[in-house]
Amino acid sequence: MKKGNYTSSQDAIDSLIKRLGKDKKLLKLLLASLDQAKTSGKKELRKKLFKALDWPTSEKEYIKLYHLVFEMDSTTKYRPSLDGTRNR
């Protein structure tokens, strides 16, 4: 499998898990980013909206959410991009 070319959502998830296991700096940055997103969301979003959203703050929670995004993607015509937006 070439880097970035995944035959299934599970391939992408496996690749992410492997990369996070090898690249501790990436993991540290990811966790800091997740924490900052949750903090910003709590401060800037309406209380009900903040509570309705998932806010992963650990590697395990992030992988679980990442998996759900790929599963939802298989039933829609839009594809999630790495920055969280959806591409057509």
PDB file of N, CA and C in Angstrom:
ATOM      1  N   MET A   1       0.833  -1.174   0.000  1.00  0.00           N
ATOM      2  CA  MET A   1       0.000   0.000   0.000  1.00  0.00           C
ATOM      3  C   MET A   1       0.883   1.245   0.000  1.00  0.00           C
ATOM      4  N   LYS A   2       0.655   2.126  -0.967  1.00  0.00           N
ATOM      5  CA  LYS A   2       1.414   3.373  -1.038  1.00  0.00           C
ATOM      6  C   LYS A   2       0.949   4.329   0.040  1.00  0.00           C
ATOM      7  N   LYS A   3       1.864   5.179   0.478  1.00  0.00           N
ATOM      8  CA  LYS A   3       1.546   6.179   1.497  1.00  0.00           C
ATOM      9  C   LYS A   3       0.428   7.086   0.974  1.00  0.00           C
ATOM     10  N   GLY A   4      -0.652   7.192   1.754  1.00  0.00           N
ATOM     11  CA  GLY A   4      -1.754   8.053   1.369  1.00  0.00           C
ATOM     12  C   GLY A   4      -2.802   7.395   0.501  1.00  0.00           C
ATOM     13  N   ASN A   5      -2.533   6.216  -0.040  1.00  0.00           N
ATOM     14  CA  ASN A   5      -3.518   5.501  -0.848  1.00  0.00           C
ATOM     15  C   ASN A   5      -4.071   4.348  -0.041  1.00  0.00           C
ATOM     16  N   TYR A   6      -5.304   4.486   0.407  1.00  0.00           N
ATOM     17  CA  TYR A   6      -5.898   3.487   1.271  1.00  0.00           C
ATOM     18  C   TYR A   6      -7.014   2.777   0.527  1.00  0.00           C
ATOM     19  N   THR A   7      -7.054   1.463   0.630  1.00  0.00           N
ATOM     20  CA  THR A   7      -8.097   0.707  -0.031  1.00  0.00           C
ATOM     21  C   THR A   7      -9.353   0.622   0.820  1.00  0.00           C
ATOM     22  N   SER A   8      -9.238   0.943   2.087  1.00  0.00           N
ATOM     23  CA  SER A   8     -10.408   0.936   2.966  1.00  0.00           C
ATOM     24  C   SER A   8     -10.178   1.912   4.114  1.00  0.00           C
ATOM     25  N   SER A   9     -11.264   2.227   4.818  1.00  0.00           N
ATOM     26  CA  SER A   9     -11.127   3.107   5.973  1.00  0.00           C
ATOM     27  C   SER A   9     -10.259   2.441   7.031  1.00  0.00           C
ATOM     28  N   GLN A  10     -10.329   1.124   7.139  1.00  0.00           N
ATOM     29  CA  GLN A  10      -9.510   0.425   8.130  1.00  0.00           C
ATOM     30  C   GLN A  10      -8.026   0.568   7.813  1.00  0.00           C
ATOM     31  N   ASP A  11      -7.660   0.587   6.526  1.00  0.00           N
ATOM     32  CA  ASP A  11      -6.261   0.812   6.143  1.00  0.00           C
ATOM     33  C   ASP A  11      -5.780   2.177   6.631  1.00  0.00           C
ATOM     34  N   ALA A  12      -6.628   3.198   6.467  1.00  0.00           N
ATOM     35  CA  ALA A  12      -6.267   4.545   6.907  1.00  0.00           C
ATOM     36  C   ALA A  12      -6.113   4.589   8.422  1.00  0.00           C
ATOM     37  N   ILE A  13      -7.009   3.937   9.123  1.00  0.00           N
ATOM     38  CA  ILE A  13      -6.949   3.913  10.584  1.00  0.00           C
ATOM     39  C   ILE A  13      -5.710   3.168  11.052  1.00  0.00           C
ATOM     40  N   ASP A  14      -5.429   2.028  10.437  1.00  0.00           N
ATOM     41  CA  ASP A  14      -4.232   1.258  10.797  1.00  0.00           C
ATOM     42  C   ASP A  14      -2.964   2.071  10.558  1.00  0.00           C
ATOM     43  N   SER A  15      -2.940   2.804   9.451  1.00  0.00           N
ATOM     44  CA  SER A  15      -1.786   3.639   9.135  1.00  0.00           C
ATOM     45  C   SER A  15      -1.610   4.747  10.178  1.00  0.00           C
ATOM     46  N   LEU A  16      -2.710   5.362  10.574  1.00  0.00           N
ATOM     47  CA  LEU A  16      -2.647   6.416  11.594  1.00  0.00           C
ATOM     48  C   LEU A  16      -2.153   5.854  12.923  1.00  0.00           C
ATOM     49  N   ILE A  17      -2.686   4.726  13.342  1.00  0.00           N
ATOM     50  CA  ILE A  17      -2.262   4.098  14.600  1.00  0.00           C
ATOM     51  C   ILE A  17      -0.767   3.789  14.566  1.00  0.00           C
ATOM     52  N   LYS A  18      -0.309   3.243  13.444  1.00  0.00           N
ATOM     53  CA  LYS A  18       1.109   2.902  13.296  1.00  0.00           C
ATOM     54  C   LYS A  18       1.981   4.156  13.359  1.00  0.00           C
ATOM     55  N   ARG A  19       1.542   5.209  12.665  1.00  0.00           N
ATOM     56  CA  ARG A  19       2.330   6.441  12.647  1.00  0.00           C
ATOM     57  C   ARG A  19       2.388   7.085  14.026  1.00  0.00           C
ATOM     58  N   LEU A  20       1.250   7.118  14.720  1.00  0.00           N
ATOM     59  CA  LEU A  20       1.240   7.697  16.060  1.00  0.00           C
ATOM     60  C   LEU A  20       2.092   6.886  17.028  1.00  0.00           C
ATOM     61  N   GLY A  21       2.167   5.584  16.814  1.00  0.00           N
ATOM     62  CA  GLY A  21       3.001   4.739  17.656  1.00  0.00           C
ATOM     63  C   GLY A  21       4.488   4.987  17.447  1.00  0.00           C
ATOM     64  N   LYS A  22       4.859   5.347  16.230  1.00  0.00           N
ATOM     65  CA  LYS A  22       6.265   5.585  15.905  1.00  0.00           C
ATOM     66  C   LYS A  22       6.702   7.032  16.147  1.00  0.00           C
ATOM     67  N   ASP A  23       5.808   7.956  15.898  1.00  0.00           N
ATOM     68  CA  ASP A  23       6.151   9.377  15.930  1.00  0.00           C
ATOM     69  C   ASP A  23       5.583  10.023  17.199  1.00  0.00           C
ATOM     70  N   LYS A  24       6.349  10.000  18.263  1.00  0.00           N
ATOM     71  CA  LYS A  24       5.888  10.526  19.548  1.00  0.00           C
ATOM     72  C   LYS A  24       5.676  12.038  19.514  1.00  0.00           C
ATOM     73  N   LYS A  25       6.445  12.742  18.675  1.00  0.00           N
ATOM     74  CA  LYS A  25       6.255  14.184  18.536  1.00  0.00           C
ATOM     75  C   LYS A  25       4.891  14.466  17.910  1.00  0.00           C
ATOM     76  N   LEU A  26       4.525  13.692  16.889  1.00  0.00           N
ATOM     77  CA  LEU A  26       3.217  13.846  16.265  1.00  0.00           C
ATOM     78  C   LEU A  26       2.106  13.568  17.274  1.00  0.00           C
ATOM     79  N   LEU A  27       2.263  12.521  18.063  1.00  0.00           N
ATOM     80  CA  LEU A  27       1.270  12.186  19.084  1.00  0.00           C
ATOM     81  C   LEU A  27       1.130  13.320  20.096  1.00  0.00           C
ATOM     82  N   LYS A  28       2.261  13.868  20.526  1.00  0.00           N
ATOM     83  CA  LYS A  28       2.239  14.970  21.496  1.00  0.00           C
ATOM     84  C   LYS A  28       1.521  16.184  20.901  1.00  0.00           C
ATOM     85  N   LEU A  29       1.806  16.502  19.634  1.00  0.00           N
ATOM     86  CA  LEU A  29       1.151  17.629  18.971  1.00  0.00           C
ATOM     87  C   LEU A  29      -0.346  17.371  18.784  1.00  0.00           C
ATOM     88  N   LEU A  30      -0.696  16.139  18.431  1.00  0.00           N
ATOM     89  CA  LEU A  30      -2.102  15.778  18.265  1.00  0.00           C
ATOM     90  C   LEU A  30      -2.860  15.967  19.573  1.00  0.00           C
ATOM     91  N   LEU A  31      -2.301  15.450  20.660  1.00  0.00           N
ATOM     92  CA  LEU A  31      -2.966  15.556  21.960  1.00  0.00           C
ATOM     93  C   LEU A  31      -3.100  17.012  22.409  1.00  0.00           C
ATOM     94  N   ALA A  32      -2.071  17.822  22.148  1.00  0.00           N
ATOM     95  CA  ALA A  32      -2.139  19.252  22.487  1.00  0.00           C
ATOM     96  C   ALA A  32      -3.225  19.939  21.647  1.00  0.00           C
ATOM     97  N   SER A  33      -3.314  19.571  20.386  1.00  0.00           N
ATOM     98  CA  SER A  33      -4.320  20.139  19.500  1.00  0.00           C
ATOM     99  C   SER A  33      -5.730  19.757  19.949  1.00  0.00           C
ATOM    100  N   LEU A  34      -5.918  18.498  20.325  1.00  0.00           N
ATOM    101  CA  LEU A  34      -7.226  18.043  20.800  1.00  0.00           C
ATOM    102  C   LEU A  34      -7.632  18.789  22.068  1.00  0.00           C
ATOM    103  N   ASP A  35      -6.680  18.970  22.972  1.00  0.00           N
ATOM    104  CA  ASP A  35      -6.946  19.683  24.218  1.00  0.00           C
ATOM    105  C   ASP A  35      -7.304  21.143  23.942  1.00  0.00           C
ATOM    106  N   GLN A  36      -6.563  21.760  23.038  1.00  0.00           N
ATOM    107  CA  GLN A  36      -6.834  23.157  22.700  1.00  0.00           C
ATOM    108  C   GLN A  36      -8.198  23.293  22.014  1.00  0.00           C
ATOM    109  N   ALA A  37      -8.543  22.350  21.151  1.00  0.00           N
ATOM    110  CA  ALA A  37      -9.853  22.402  20.481  1.00  0.00           C
ATOM    111  C   ALA A  37     -10.982  22.317  21.495  1.00  0.00           C
ATOM    112  N   LYS A  38     -10.839  21.434  22.467  1.00  0.00           N
ATOM    113  CA  LYS A  38     -11.872  21.298  23.491  1.00  0.00           C
ATOM    114  C   LYS A  38     -11.977  22.570  24.326  1.00  0.00           C
ATOM    115  N   THR A  39     -10.846  23.132  24.709  1.00  0.00           N
ATOM    116  CA  THR A  39     -10.833  24.360  25.501  1.00  0.00           C
ATOM    117  C   THR A  39     -11.463  25.517  24.724  1.00  0.00           C
ATOM    118  N   SER A  40     -11.085  25.652  23.453  1.00  0.00           N
ATOM    119  CA  SER A  40     -11.650  26.728  22.616  1.00  0.00           C
ATOM    120  C   SER A  40     -13.140  26.508  22.399  1.00  0.00           C
ATOM    121  N   GLY A  41     -13.526  25.279  22.156  1.00  0.00           N
ATOM    122  CA  GLY A  41     -14.937  24.971  21.954  1.00  0.00           C
ATOM    123  C   GLY A  41     -15.775  25.310  23.166  1.00  0.00           C
ATOM    124  N   LYS A  42     -15.254  24.976  24.327  1.00  0.00           N
ATOM    125  CA  LYS A  42     -15.985  25.254  25.563  1.00  0.00           C
ATOM    126  C   LYS A  42     -16.170  26.757  25.763  1.00  0.00           C
ATOM    127  N   LYS A  43     -15.159  27.506  25.379  1.00  0.00           N
ATOM    128  CA  LYS A  43     -15.192  28.954  25.567  1.00  0.00           C
ATOM    129  C   LYS A  43     -16.040  29.648  24.492  1.00  0.00           C
ATOM    130  N   GLU A  44     -16.002  29.152  23.257  1.00  0.00           N
ATOM    131  CA  GLU A  44     -16.583  29.878  22.139  1.00  0.00           C
ATOM    132  C   GLU A  44     -17.938  29.360  21.648  1.00  0.00           C
ATOM    133  N   LEU A  45     -18.287  28.132  21.960  1.00  0.00           N
ATOM    134  CA  LEU A  45     -19.548  27.573  21.475  1.00  0.00           C
ATOM    135  C   LEU A  45     -20.650  27.690  22.516  1.00  0.00           C
ATOM    136  N   ARG A  46     -21.866  27.662  22.041  1.00  0.00           N
ATOM    137  CA  ARG A  46     -22.990  27.624  22.968  1.00  0.00           C
ATOM    138  C   ARG A  46     -22.918  26.334  23.766  1.00  0.00           C
ATOM    139  N   LYS A  47     -23.363  26.405  25.006  1.00  0.00           N
ATOM    140  CA  LYS A  47     -23.244  25.289  25.941  1.00  0.00           C
ATOM    141  C   LYS A  47     -23.863  23.990  25.393  1.00  0.00           C
ATOM    142  N   LYS A  48     -25.063  24.064  24.819  1.00  0.00           N
ATOM    143  CA  LYS A  48     -25.731  22.860  24.300  1.00  0.00           C
ATOM    144  C   LYS A  48     -24.966  22.252  23.124  1.00  0.00           C
ATOM    145  N   LEU A  49     -24.446  23.118  22.255  1.00  0.00           N
ATOM    146  CA  LEU A  49     -23.672  22.625  21.114  1.00  0.00           C
ATOM    147  C   LEU A  49     -22.390  21.967  21.592  1.00  0.00           C
ATOM    148  N   PHE A  50     -21.701  22.594  22.512  1.00  0.00           N
ATOM    149  CA  PHE A  50     -20.461  22.018  23.041  1.00  0.00           C
ATOM    150  C   PHE A  50     -20.725  20.631  23.632  1.00  0.00           C
ATOM    151  N   LYS A  51     -21.782  20.505  24.400  1.00  0.00           N
ATOM    152  CA  LYS A  51     -22.104  19.224  25.030  1.00  0.00           C
ATOM    153  C   LYS A  51     -22.527  18.161  24.015  1.00  0.00           C
ATOM    154  N   ALA A  52     -23.094  18.595  22.884  1.00  0.00           N
ATOM    155  CA  ALA A  52     -23.567  17.651  21.864  1.00  0.00           C
ATOM    156  C   ALA A  52     -22.427  17.061  21.032  1.00  0.00           C
ATOM    157  N   LEU A  53     -21.285  17.715  21.018  1.00  0.00           N
ATOM    158  CA  LEU A  53     -20.152  17.271  20.196  1.00  0.00           C
ATOM    159  C   LEU A  53     -19.210  16.367  20.980  1.00  0.00           C
ATOM    160  N   ASP A  54     -18.504  15.510  20.243  1.00  0.00           N
ATOM    161  CA  ASP A  54     -17.467  14.681  20.852  1.00  0.00           C
ATOM    162  C   ASP A  54     -16.180  15.499  20.918  1.00  0.00           C
ATOM    163  N   TRP A  55     -15.498  15.416  22.052  1.00  0.00           N
ATOM    164  CA  TRP A  55     -14.244  16.125  22.247  1.00  0.00           C
ATOM    165  C   TRP A  55     -13.174  15.127  22.711  1.00  0.00           C
ATOM    166  N   PRO A  56     -12.601  14.367  21.772  1.00  0.00           N
ATOM    167  CA  PRO A  56     -11.575  13.404  22.187  1.00  0.00           C
ATOM    168  C   PRO A  56     -10.351  14.125  22.739  1.00  0.00           C
ATOM    169  N   THR A  57      -9.784  13.583  23.807  1.00  0.00           N
ATOM    170  CA  THR A  57      -8.576  14.185  24.388  1.00  0.00           C
ATOM    171  C   THR A  57      -7.480  13.153  24.590  1.00  0.00           C
ATOM    172  N   SER A  58      -7.691  11.947  24.079  1.00  0.00           N
ATOM    173  CA  SER A  58      -6.661  10.914  24.168  1.00  0.00           C
ATOM    174  C   SER A  58      -6.500  10.268  22.791  1.00  0.00           C
ATOM    175  N   GLU A  59      -5.401   9.574  22.622  1.00  0.00           N
ATOM    176  CA  GLU A  59      -5.149   8.879  21.363  1.00  0.00           C
ATOM    177  C   GLU A  59      -6.275   7.878  21.076  1.00  0.00           C
ATOM    178  N   LYS A  60      -6.671   7.112  22.070  1.00  0.00           N
ATOM    179  CA  LYS A  60      -7.713   6.091  21.895  1.00  0.00           C
ATOM    180  C   LYS A  60      -9.048   6.721  21.481  1.00  0.00           C
ATOM    181  N   GLU A  61      -9.438   7.815  22.145  1.00  0.00           N
ATOM    182  CA  GLU A  61     -10.689   8.497  21.815  1.00  0.00           C
ATOM    183  C   GLU A  61     -10.629   9.074  20.398  1.00  0.00           C
ATOM    184  N   TYR A  62      -9.466   9.609  20.007  1.00  0.00           N
ATOM    185  CA  TYR A  62      -9.311  10.187  18.678  1.00  0.00           C
ATOM    186  C   TYR A  62      -9.441   9.113  17.603  1.00  0.00           C
ATOM    187  N   ILE A  63      -8.797   7.983  17.799  1.00  0.00           N
ATOM    188  CA  ILE A  63      -8.872   6.886  16.827  1.00  0.00           C
ATOM    189  C   ILE A  63     -10.320   6.420  16.689  1.00  0.00           C
ATOM    190  N   LYS A  64     -11.032   6.329  17.798  1.00  0.00           N
ATOM    191  CA  LYS A  64     -12.434   5.908  17.761  1.00  0.00           C
ATOM    192  C   LYS A  64     -13.262   6.899  16.937  1.00  0.00           C
ATOM    193  N   LEU A  65     -13.067   8.197  17.163  1.00  0.00           N
ATOM    194  CA  LEU A  65     -13.800   9.210  16.413  1.00  0.00           C
ATOM    195  C   LEU A  65     -13.390   9.198  14.945  1.00  0.00           C
ATOM    196  N   TYR A  66     -12.108   9.037  14.672  1.00  0.00           N
ATOM    197  CA  TYR A  66     -11.586   8.973  13.302  1.00  0.00           C
ATOM    198  C   TYR A  66     -12.257   7.821  12.568  1.00  0.00           C
ATOM    199  N   HIS A  67     -12.394   6.701  13.234  1.00  0.00           N
ATOM    200  CA  HIS A  67     -13.044   5.527  12.646  1.00  0.00           C
ATOM    201  C   HIS A  67     -14.503   5.853  12.314  1.00  0.00           C
ATOM    202  N   LEU A  68     -15.217   6.524  13.209  1.00  0.00           N
ATOM    203  CA  LEU A  68     -16.615   6.880  12.972  1.00  0.00           C
ATOM    204  C   LEU A  68     -16.759   7.815  11.781  1.00  0.00           C
ATOM    205  N   VAL A  69     -15.837   8.760  11.624  1.00  0.00           N
ATOM    206  CA  VAL A  69     -15.892   9.677  10.485  1.00  0.00           C
ATOM    207  C   VAL A  69     -15.758   8.901   9.184  1.00  0.00           C
ATOM    208  N   PHE A  70     -14.838   7.939   9.131  1.00  0.00           N
ATOM    209  CA  PHE A  70     -14.680   7.136   7.927  1.00  0.00           C
ATOM    210  C   PHE A  70     -15.911   6.284   7.667  1.00  0.00           C
ATOM    211  N   GLU A  71     -16.516   5.741   8.717  1.00  0.00           N
ATOM    212  CA  GLU A  71     -17.719   4.931   8.550  1.00  0.00           C
ATOM    213  C   GLU A  71     -18.863   5.787   8.012  1.00  0.00           C
ATOM    214  N   MET A  72     -19.049   6.976   8.542  1.00  0.00           N
ATOM    215  CA  MET A  72     -20.101   7.873   8.057  1.00  0.00           C
ATOM    216  C   MET A  72     -19.824   8.274   6.623  1.00  0.00           C
ATOM    217  N   ASP A  73     -18.558   8.459   6.287  1.00  0.00           N
ATOM    218  CA  ASP A  73     -18.168   8.883   4.947  1.00  0.00           C
ATOM    219  C   ASP A  73     -18.597   7.873   3.899  1.00  0.00           C
ATOM    220  N   SER A  74     -18.619   6.605   4.242  1.00  0.00           N
ATOM    221  CA  SER A  74     -18.971   5.583   3.256  1.00  0.00           C
ATOM    222  C   SER A  74     -20.446   5.646   2.881  1.00  0.00           C
ATOM    223  N   THR A  75     -21.250   6.398   3.642  1.00  0.00           N
ATOM    224  CA  THR A  75     -22.679   6.499   3.348  1.00  0.00           C
ATOM    225  C   THR A  75     -23.063   7.867   2.782  1.00  0.00           C
ATOM    226  N   THR A  76     -22.073   8.743   2.564  1.00  0.00           N
ATOM    227  CA  THR A  76     -22.364  10.074   2.040  1.00  0.00           C
ATOM    228  C   THR A  76     -21.593  10.327   0.764  1.00  0.00           C
ATOM    229  N   LYS A  77     -21.984  11.379   0.055  1.00  0.00           N
ATOM    230  CA  LYS A  77     -21.275  11.715  -1.178  1.00  0.00           C
ATOM    231  C   LYS A  77     -20.101  12.649  -0.941  1.00  0.00           C
ATOM    232  N   TYR A  78     -19.909  13.101   0.291  1.00  0.00           N
ATOM    233  CA  TYR A  78     -18.800  13.991   0.623  1.00  0.00           C
ATOM    234  C   TYR A  78     -17.712  13.226   1.344  1.00  0.00           C
ATOM    235  N   ARG A  79     -16.511  13.688   1.201  1.00  0.00           N
ATOM    236  CA  ARG A  79     -15.374  13.038   1.846  1.00  0.00           C
ATOM    237  C   ARG A  79     -14.737  13.997   2.841  1.00  0.00           C
ATOM    238  N   PRO A  80     -14.450  13.538   4.083  1.00  0.00           N
ATOM    239  CA  PRO A  80     -13.774  14.428   5.035  1.00  0.00           C
ATOM    240  C   PRO A  80     -12.325  14.637   4.624  1.00  0.00           C
ATOM    241  N   SER A  81     -11.829  15.831   4.832  1.00  0.00           N
ATOM    242  CA  SER A  81     -10.414  16.087   4.580  1.00  0.00           C
ATOM    243  C   SER A  81      -9.695  16.138   5.933  1.00  0.00           C
ATOM    244  N   LEU A  82      -8.413  16.236   5.898  1.00  0.00           N
ATOM    245  CA  LEU A  82      -7.631  16.230   7.123  1.00  0.00           C
ATOM    246  C   LEU A  82      -7.885  17.438   8.013  1.00  0.00           C
ATOM    247  N   ASP A  83      -8.331  18.555   7.413  1.00  0.00           N
ATOM    248  CA  ASP A  83      -8.569  19.739   8.243  1.00  0.00           C
ATOM    249  C   ASP A  83      -9.992  19.797   8.807  1.00  0.00           C
ATOM    250  N   GLY A  84     -10.762  18.738   8.616  1.00  0.00           N
ATOM    251  CA  GLY A  84     -12.093  18.664   9.200  1.00  0.00           C
ATOM    252  C   GLY A  84     -13.195  19.192   8.316  1.00  0.00           C
ATOM    253  N   THR A  85     -12.841  19.785   7.162  1.00  0.00           N
ATOM    254  CA  THR A  85     -13.864  20.241   6.233  1.00  0.00           C
ATOM    255  C   THR A  85     -14.245  19.081   5.341  1.00  0.00           C
ATOM    256  N   ARG A  86     -15.271  19.266   4.559  1.00  0.00           N
ATOM    257  CA  ARG A  86     -15.678  18.206   3.643  1.00  0.00           C
ATOM    258  C   ARG A  86     -15.447  18.660   2.206  1.00  0.00           C
ATOM    259  N   ASN A  87     -14.862  17.781   1.434  1.00  0.00           N
ATOM    260  CA  ASN A  87     -14.626  18.058   0.013  1.00  0.00           C
ATOM    261  C   ASN A  87     -15.689  17.363  -0.801  1.00  0.00           C
ATOM    262  N   ARG A  88     -16.004  17.935  -1.956  1.00  0.00           N
ATOM    263  CA  ARG A  88     -16.969  17.287  -2.854  1.00  0.00           C
ATOM    264  C   ARG A  88     -16.245  16.390  -3.806  1.00  0.00           C
TER     265      ARG A  88
END
